[in-house]
Protein backbone atom coordinates (compact mmCIF):
# COMPACT_ATOMS: atom_id res chain seq x y z
CA MET A 1 20.91 -90.19 338.90
CA PRO A 2 18.12 -91.61 336.74
CA SER A 3 18.59 -92.83 333.12
CA TYR A 4 16.53 -91.10 330.54
CA ILE A 5 15.16 -93.58 328.02
CA TYR A 6 13.88 -91.85 324.72
CA TYR A 7 11.50 -93.58 322.49
CA TRP A 8 11.44 -92.86 318.62
CA SER A 9 8.26 -94.55 317.20
CA PRO A 10 6.39 -92.26 314.61
CA CYS A 11 3.34 -94.42 313.97
CA LEU A 12 1.01 -93.41 311.09
CA ASN A 13 -1.81 -95.85 312.15
CA LYS A 14 -3.09 -97.52 315.23
CA VAL A 15 -1.06 -100.57 314.67
CA GLY A 16 0.48 -102.96 317.33
CA THR A 17 3.56 -100.84 317.33
CA VAL A 18 1.56 -98.17 318.87
CA LYS A 19 0.29 -100.35 321.88
CA SER A 20 3.87 -101.89 322.08
CA THR A 21 5.57 -98.60 322.44
CA ILE A 22 2.90 -97.28 324.99
CA ASN A 23 3.22 -100.39 327.12
CA SER A 24 7.04 -100.44 327.03
CA VAL A 25 7.08 -96.72 328.13
CA LEU A 26 4.50 -97.55 330.72
CA SER A 27 6.51 -100.56 332.09
CA LEU A 28 9.44 -98.13 332.92
CA SER A 29 7.35 -95.55 334.48
CA LYS A 30 5.45 -98.08 336.51
CA TYR A 31 8.06 -100.40 337.79
CA SER A 32 11.50 -98.75 337.75
CA ASN A 33 11.00 -96.46 340.90
CA SER A 34 12.25 -93.50 338.92
CA LYS A 35 15.51 -95.42 338.01
CA PHE A 36 14.49 -94.98 334.45
CA VAL A 37 12.60 -91.92 333.05
CA PRO A 38 10.83 -92.74 329.78
CA VAL A 39 10.43 -89.88 327.24
CA VAL A 40 8.28 -90.14 324.00
CA ILE A 41 9.48 -88.05 321.09
CA ASN A 42 6.52 -86.73 319.27
CA ALA A 43 7.74 -86.08 315.78
CA CYS A 44 4.76 -84.69 313.89
CA GLY A 45 1.73 -84.86 316.47
CA GLU A 46 1.19 -88.56 316.19
CA TRP A 47 1.30 -88.88 319.86
CA ASP A 48 -0.96 -85.91 320.66
CA GLU A 49 -4.08 -87.95 321.51
CA TYR A 50 -2.19 -89.65 324.28
CA LYS A 51 -0.73 -86.65 325.89
CA ASP A 52 -3.36 -86.86 328.89
CA PHE A 53 -2.40 -90.60 329.37
CA PHE A 54 1.31 -89.97 329.37
CA LYS A 55 0.81 -87.01 331.87
CA SER A 56 -1.33 -89.20 334.31
CA ASN A 57 1.51 -91.96 334.18
CA ASN A 58 4.31 -89.37 334.79
CA ILE A 59 5.58 -90.00 331.14
CA LYS A 60 7.43 -87.11 329.57
CA ILE A 61 6.85 -86.09 325.87
CA VAL A 62 9.10 -83.96 323.60
CA ASN A 63 7.61 -82.13 320.53
CA LEU A 64 9.80 -81.99 317.41
CA SER A 65 7.67 -79.85 315.48
CA PRO A 66 5.75 -76.66 316.70
CA PHE A 67 2.64 -77.67 314.73
CA ASN A 68 0.77 -80.88 314.09
CA TYR A 69 1.17 -82.00 310.69
CA TYR A 70 0.42 -85.53 311.39
CA LYS A 71 -3.30 -85.07 310.52
CA TYR A 72 -2.19 -84.06 306.93
CA LEU A 73 0.01 -86.96 306.22
CA PRO A 74 -1.52 -89.86 303.76
CA LYS A 75 -1.66 -92.94 306.05
CA THR A 76 -2.99 -95.71 303.75
CA GLY A 77 -1.36 -97.07 300.56
CA PHE A 78 2.07 -98.23 300.09
CA ILE A 79 3.36 -95.09 298.05
CA GLN A 80 1.42 -92.69 300.14
CA SER A 81 2.57 -93.84 303.38
CA ARG A 82 6.35 -93.91 302.13
CA LEU A 83 5.74 -90.53 301.23
CA SER A 84 4.84 -89.71 304.76
CA TYR A 85 7.82 -91.51 306.05
CA ILE A 86 10.11 -89.18 303.88
CA ILE A 87 8.32 -86.05 304.95
CA ILE A 88 8.73 -87.15 308.68
CA PHE A 89 12.42 -87.96 307.93
CA ILE A 90 13.18 -84.53 306.33
CA PHE A 91 11.27 -82.48 308.96
CA SER A 92 12.52 -84.43 311.90
CA PHE A 93 16.22 -84.43 310.93
CA LEU A 94 17.49 -81.31 312.55
CA PRO A 95 15.02 -81.40 315.47
CA LEU A 96 15.98 -84.83 316.41
CA ILE A 97 19.66 -84.10 316.20
CA LYS A 98 19.03 -81.18 318.69
CA VAL A 99 17.23 -83.40 321.17
CA LEU A 100 19.87 -86.28 320.89
CA ARG A 101 22.56 -83.79 321.76
CA ARG A 102 21.18 -83.14 325.15
CA ASN A 103 23.31 -84.63 327.89
CA GLU A 104 20.32 -86.23 329.49
CA VAL A 105 19.61 -88.73 326.63
CA ASN A 106 21.04 -91.99 327.82
CA TYR A 107 19.18 -94.31 325.47
CA LEU A 108 17.26 -93.96 322.27
CA ILE A 109 14.96 -96.90 321.45
CA ALA A 110 14.05 -96.83 317.71
CA HIS A 111 10.69 -98.61 316.58
CA LEU A 112 9.81 -97.10 313.32
CA ILE A 113 11.41 -94.91 310.46
CA THR A 114 14.63 -96.26 312.06
CA SER A 115 16.76 -95.02 309.22
CA LEU A 116 16.63 -91.61 310.60
CA PRO A 117 18.18 -92.17 314.05
CA LEU A 118 20.50 -94.89 312.51
CA PHE A 119 21.97 -92.31 310.09
CA ILE A 120 22.16 -89.57 312.72
CA PHE A 121 24.12 -91.99 315.01
CA TYR A 122 26.30 -92.87 312.29
CA ILE A 123 27.43 -89.41 311.10
CA LEU A 124 27.48 -88.02 314.58
CA ASN A 125 29.39 -88.76 317.65
CA LEU A 126 26.68 -88.91 320.23
CA ASN A 127 27.05 -89.89 324.07
CA SER A 128 23.61 -91.66 324.04
CA LYS A 129 23.18 -95.34 323.20
CA LEU A 130 21.02 -96.42 320.31
CA ILE A 131 18.74 -99.50 320.75
CA LEU A 132 17.12 -100.80 317.30
CA ARG A 133 13.86 -102.57 317.54
CA ILE A 134 13.35 -104.80 314.62
CA SER A 135 9.79 -106.35 314.29
CA GLY A 136 7.24 -107.21 311.75
CA TYR A 137 8.47 -108.85 308.46
CA PRO A 138 11.44 -106.83 307.49
CA LYS A 139 12.71 -107.53 303.95
CA LEU A 140 16.30 -108.06 303.88
CA ASN A 141 17.00 -106.58 300.59
CA ILE A 142 20.64 -105.66 299.58
CA LEU A 143 20.07 -101.86 300.25
CA ARG A 144 18.76 -102.39 303.82
CA ALA A 145 21.38 -105.20 304.48
CA TYR A 146 24.15 -102.87 303.43
CA PHE A 147 22.86 -99.93 305.44
CA TRP A 148 22.46 -102.06 308.59
CA LYS A 149 25.87 -103.52 308.13
CA LYS A 150 27.21 -100.08 307.77
CA VAL A 151 25.70 -98.54 310.86
CA SER A 152 26.01 -101.70 312.99
CA LYS A 153 29.00 -100.43 315.08
CA THR A 154 26.91 -97.45 316.21
CA LEU A 155 24.35 -99.69 317.81
CA PHE A 156 24.22 -100.58 321.45
CA LYS A 157 21.71 -103.49 321.09
CA ILE A 158 19.10 -104.96 318.66
CA THR A 159 15.98 -106.41 320.03
CA CYS A 160 13.41 -108.62 318.44
CA PRO A 161 9.82 -109.64 319.66
CA SER A 162 10.16 -113.25 318.68
CA LEU A 163 12.85 -115.96 318.74
CA GLU A 164 12.04 -116.78 315.15
CA LEU A 165 12.85 -113.27 313.92
CA LEU A 166 15.84 -113.20 315.97
CA ASN A 167 17.22 -116.31 314.63
CA LYS A 168 16.62 -115.09 311.08
CA ILE A 169 18.53 -111.74 311.76
CA GLU A 170 21.28 -113.59 313.38
CA LYS A 171 21.61 -115.85 310.33
CA SER A 172 21.90 -112.74 308.02
CA ASN A 173 25.32 -112.14 309.79
CA ILE A 174 24.65 -108.27 309.56
CA PHE A 175 25.02 -107.72 313.26
CA LYS A 176 27.24 -109.40 315.93
CA LYS A 177 25.53 -112.02 317.84
CA ASN A 178 26.27 -110.31 321.18
CA GLN A 179 24.14 -107.37 319.98
CA LEU A 180 21.04 -109.33 319.47
CA TYR A 181 18.41 -109.95 322.30
CA PHE A 182 14.94 -111.34 322.47
CA LEU A 183 12.62 -108.81 323.97
CA PRO A 184 8.89 -109.88 323.88
CA ASP A 185 6.29 -107.11 323.36
CA ALA A 186 4.63 -105.46 326.29
CA ILE A 187 1.20 -106.74 325.31
CA ILE A 188 -0.80 -107.53 328.50
CA GLN A 189 -1.62 -105.30 331.56
CA ILE A 190 -3.25 -107.55 333.93
CA ASP A 191 -5.22 -104.81 335.66
CA GLU A 192 -6.46 -103.52 332.23
CA PHE A 193 -7.51 -107.02 331.28
CA LYS A 194 -9.64 -107.36 334.68
CA LYS A 195 -11.37 -104.04 333.99
CA LYS A 196 -12.21 -104.85 330.29
CA LYS A 197 -13.49 -108.37 330.43
CA ILE A 198 -17.11 -107.32 330.73
CA LEU A 199 -19.53 -109.52 328.46
CA ILE A 200 -21.36 -107.75 325.73
CA ASN A 201 -24.97 -107.93 324.84
CA ASN A 202 -24.76 -109.00 321.19
CA LYS A 203 -27.80 -107.30 319.70
CA GLU A 204 -26.09 -107.38 316.44
CA PHE A 205 -26.20 -110.90 315.55
CA ASP A 206 -27.98 -114.20 316.68
CA LYS A 207 -27.22 -115.11 320.17
CA SER A 208 -27.84 -118.68 319.59
CA LYS A 209 -24.75 -118.83 317.17
CA LYS A 210 -21.36 -119.78 318.30
CA ILE A 211 -18.72 -117.12 317.55
CA VAL A 212 -15.39 -117.57 315.55
CA LEU A 213 -13.63 -114.36 316.02
CA SER A 214 -10.72 -112.67 314.19
CA VAL A 215 -9.15 -109.14 314.95
CA GLY A 216 -7.10 -106.78 313.05
CA ARG A 217 -6.69 -103.83 310.63
CA LEU A 218 -8.50 -104.56 307.53
CA THR A 219 -5.38 -104.66 305.33
CA LYS A 220 -3.76 -107.09 302.97
CA GLN A 221 -1.34 -108.25 305.62
CA LYS A 222 -4.38 -109.80 307.85
CA ASN A 223 -5.60 -111.83 304.86
CA PHE A 224 -9.37 -111.41 305.66
CA LYS A 225 -10.61 -112.31 302.12
CA TYR A 226 -8.89 -115.67 302.55
CA LEU A 227 -10.44 -115.91 306.01
CA ILE A 228 -13.90 -115.17 304.52
CA ASP A 229 -13.58 -117.73 301.77
CA GLU A 230 -12.47 -120.43 304.17
CA PHE A 231 -15.26 -119.66 306.60
CA GLU A 232 -17.61 -119.82 303.75
CA ILE A 233 -16.42 -123.46 303.15
CA PHE A 234 -16.73 -124.28 306.78
CA SER A 235 -20.27 -122.87 307.36
CA LYS A 236 -21.78 -124.94 304.57
CA ASN A 237 -21.68 -127.93 306.96
CA GLN A 238 -21.60 -126.02 310.18
CA LYS A 239 -24.65 -123.87 310.54
CA ASP A 240 -24.31 -123.03 314.24
CA TYR A 241 -21.20 -120.81 313.70
CA ILE A 242 -20.89 -117.12 312.76
CA LEU A 243 -17.62 -115.27 312.09
CA VAL A 244 -17.15 -111.84 313.61
CA ILE A 245 -14.15 -109.57 312.56
CA LEU A 246 -13.02 -106.63 314.66
CA GLY A 247 -11.06 -103.94 312.97
CA ASP A 248 -10.97 -100.98 310.50
CA GLY A 249 -8.87 -100.18 307.57
CA GLU A 250 -8.51 -99.47 303.86
CA GLN A 251 -10.20 -102.92 302.79
CA LYS A 252 -13.27 -102.14 304.80
CA ASN A 253 -15.69 -101.31 301.83
CA TYR A 254 -14.13 -104.08 299.71
CA LEU A 255 -14.82 -106.68 302.28
CA LYS A 256 -18.12 -105.37 302.96
CA LYS A 257 -19.00 -105.69 299.29
CA TYR A 258 -17.31 -109.12 298.87
CA ILE A 259 -19.26 -110.52 301.88
CA SER A 260 -22.54 -109.27 300.36
CA SER A 261 -21.60 -110.60 296.92
CA ARG A 262 -21.06 -113.99 298.48
CA LYS A 263 -24.48 -113.71 300.29
CA LEU A 264 -22.76 -114.04 303.78
CA ASP A 265 -24.37 -111.17 305.43
CA ASP A 266 -26.10 -113.45 308.01
CA LYS A 267 -22.97 -115.33 308.75
CA ILE A 268 -19.98 -112.91 308.75
CA TYR A 269 -20.12 -109.62 310.48
CA LEU A 270 -17.59 -106.65 310.15
CA MET A 271 -17.97 -104.96 313.60
CA GLY A 272 -15.46 -102.17 313.15
CA ARG A 273 -12.80 -101.09 315.54
CA THR A 274 -13.30 -101.49 319.20
CA GLU A 275 -11.32 -100.32 322.28
CA ASN A 276 -12.31 -103.43 324.23
CA VAL A 277 -11.61 -106.52 322.28
CA TYR A 278 -11.84 -108.70 325.51
CA GLN A 279 -15.68 -108.23 325.78
CA TYR A 280 -15.92 -109.97 322.37
CA MET A 281 -13.38 -112.53 323.26
CA LYS A 282 -15.12 -113.56 326.41
CA LYS A 283 -18.25 -114.29 324.24
CA SER A 284 -16.38 -116.20 321.57
CA GLU A 285 -15.38 -119.77 321.26
CA VAL A 286 -12.65 -119.73 318.83
CA PHE A 287 -10.06 -117.19 317.66
CA VAL A 288 -8.64 -117.18 314.19
CA LEU A 289 -5.45 -115.43 312.98
CA SER A 290 -5.34 -115.50 309.03
CA SER A 291 -2.29 -113.21 308.67
CA LEU A 292 0.29 -113.39 305.89
CA TRP A 293 2.98 -112.32 308.35
CA GLU A 294 2.79 -111.25 311.93
CA GLU A 295 5.00 -110.88 314.97
CA VAL A 296 3.85 -113.06 317.87
CA GLY A 297 0.51 -111.03 317.26
CA PHE A 298 -1.04 -108.97 320.02
CA VAL A 299 -4.45 -110.41 319.36
CA ILE A 300 -3.48 -113.95 319.89
CA VAL A 301 -1.88 -113.31 323.20
CA GLU A 302 -5.05 -111.48 324.20
CA ALA A 303 -7.14 -114.30 323.01
CA ALA A 304 -5.09 -116.73 325.02
CA ILE A 305 -5.52 -114.77 328.24
CA SER A 306 -9.38 -114.67 327.56
CA ASN A 307 -9.26 -118.51 327.39
CA LEU A 308 -9.96 -118.77 323.82
CA PHE A 309 -8.92 -121.63 321.53
CA VAL A 310 -6.41 -120.21 318.83
CA ILE A 311 -6.10 -121.25 315.25
CA SER A 312 -3.33 -119.46 313.41
CA SER A 313 -1.63 -119.47 310.05
CA ASN A 314 1.92 -120.73 310.34
CA CYS A 315 3.19 -117.22 308.98
CA PRO A 316 6.41 -115.57 309.87
CA ASN A 317 7.66 -114.43 312.49
CA GLY A 318 5.89 -115.47 315.80
CA PRO A 319 2.46 -117.42 315.92
CA SER A 320 4.09 -120.78 315.45
CA GLU A 321 6.49 -119.92 318.43
CA PHE A 322 3.62 -118.78 320.67
CA LEU A 323 1.43 -121.82 319.81
CA ASP A 324 4.48 -124.18 320.40
CA ASN A 325 4.35 -125.29 316.80
CA GLY A 326 0.73 -126.53 317.14
CA ASN A 327 0.98 -128.24 320.64
CA HIS A 328 -1.18 -125.26 322.19
CA GLY A 329 -3.39 -124.43 319.44
CA ILE A 330 -3.97 -125.34 315.64
CA LEU A 331 -1.56 -124.17 312.84
CA PHE A 332 -2.58 -124.26 309.26
CA GLU A 333 -0.42 -123.71 306.21
CA ASN A 334 -0.37 -119.88 305.46
CA ASN A 335 -2.72 -118.77 302.75
CA LYS A 336 -3.43 -122.32 301.26
CA LYS A 337 -6.95 -123.12 300.01
CA ASN A 338 -9.06 -125.43 302.35
CA LYS A 339 -6.35 -125.31 305.17
CA LEU A 340 -8.10 -123.05 307.45
CA SER A 341 -11.50 -124.60 306.94
CA GLU A 342 -9.97 -127.94 307.67
CA SER A 343 -8.49 -126.37 310.77
CA LEU A 344 -11.80 -125.42 312.02
CA GLU A 345 -13.19 -128.93 311.38
CA THR A 346 -10.22 -130.36 313.22
CA TYR A 347 -11.12 -128.22 316.10
CA LEU A 348 -14.57 -129.50 316.39
CA LYS A 349 -13.15 -132.97 316.32
CA LEU A 350 -11.14 -132.47 319.56
CA ASN A 351 -12.62 -133.73 322.81
CA LYS A 352 -13.07 -131.31 325.63
CA GLU A 353 -10.19 -132.59 327.59
CA LYS A 354 -7.69 -131.96 324.58
CA ARG A 355 -9.23 -128.49 323.93
CA PHE A 356 -8.90 -127.60 327.75
CA TYR A 357 -5.26 -128.81 327.82
CA MET A 358 -4.30 -126.90 324.73
CA ARG A 359 -5.99 -123.52 326.09
CA VAL A 360 -4.44 -123.98 329.52
CA ASN A 361 -0.96 -124.40 328.21
CA LEU A 362 -1.25 -121.57 325.74
CA LYS A 363 -2.58 -119.21 328.59
CA LYS A 364 0.45 -120.11 330.44
CA GLY A 365 2.73 -118.61 327.82
CA VAL A 366 1.04 -115.38 328.24
CA ILE A 367 3.10 -114.25 331.23
CA LYS A 368 6.04 -113.76 328.97
CA TYR A 369 4.07 -110.94 327.14
CA THR A 370 3.00 -108.93 330.24
CA ILE A 371 4.49 -105.34 330.85
CA PHE A 372 6.15 -106.40 334.09
CA ARG A 373 8.15 -109.21 332.32
CA HIS A 374 8.95 -106.88 329.58
CA TYR A 375 10.19 -104.33 332.13
CA LEU A 376 12.60 -107.08 333.72
CA ILE A 377 14.26 -107.98 330.41
CA LEU A 378 14.30 -104.50 329.29
CA LYS A 379 16.10 -103.51 332.49
CA LYS A 380 18.76 -105.98 332.21
CA LEU A 381 19.35 -104.83 328.65
CA LEU A 382 19.70 -101.32 329.82
CA ILE A 383 22.20 -101.84 332.51
CA ASN A 384 24.05 -104.29 330.42
CA GLU A 385 23.54 -107.40 332.32
CA ASN A 386 24.02 -110.72 330.42
């Protein structure tokens, strides 16, 4: 008999968690030979646009609501997004209980709005096992720590996408050590990478310029204003480089105006969101991650497989780990003035052999973040192998 693995991940925006969830689900469908049957819980219509993809990959989807209210939910801003989470919590409470009481639900993997499944498992005696996915930069305030501690006995396992985050959670003494596991995100599909690494024809900017690339949602977390300021300093002496930023978000108009106010329109380009970051990565020379916090960071793993040299902030909870503490790329002090511009200058001073060595060793680390490797680790967790 197959085991049914349900995924609870009601994402409001197309953040990394969306891709992480999709690739994790895909890994079970693709490699388990029907031993594990993945099922995506569609709380409010957030997964509607992926229904054809799920169907073509034999992935089941369960709708909690008879109508799509996802499109009406506010998705930007701290207060507005929290309001959306509360609405999802309330509207999903009884429907989720009904789904979880099915005998076929062997496991529930909770990615987002985890308070709802945690609460349900705490108050009800369910046969299924709950796996909590902790990622991002969780603030361990008194209320959250108390709640996690209270519900910890109902948890089968807790997974983290980086060892740095895992160690932080372990030191909090909220959960038992034998509950905590390192499970890297399923970031890279090798076959997808091969299909998408087509070079672009850069009509948007001067082809004679070398490209410093950055990718991410245009939000406070990604710290793009800092990146713009630092690149402005760097570009005063280095005229051959331009900065290309891929992504969309609530800071788009603000950043556009800021770039224009600094008279940097011929040096910094906001290119919007793209479904194929690889085509830009194959044309760029350096990738920069300026985030205030990050997991390992999907984009630096994608940059690594594209043979890009990576420069990253030493933010929590993963970039330093992926760059082997600066041995496989350059780390700069998070959000400190002149540190990123100095790192770009440091890159220019590296000889070709050193750059090649660092890029090759960084690329070797990508294997840990393939969907196949994710499947192998997840399979062991599900069948309780240690």
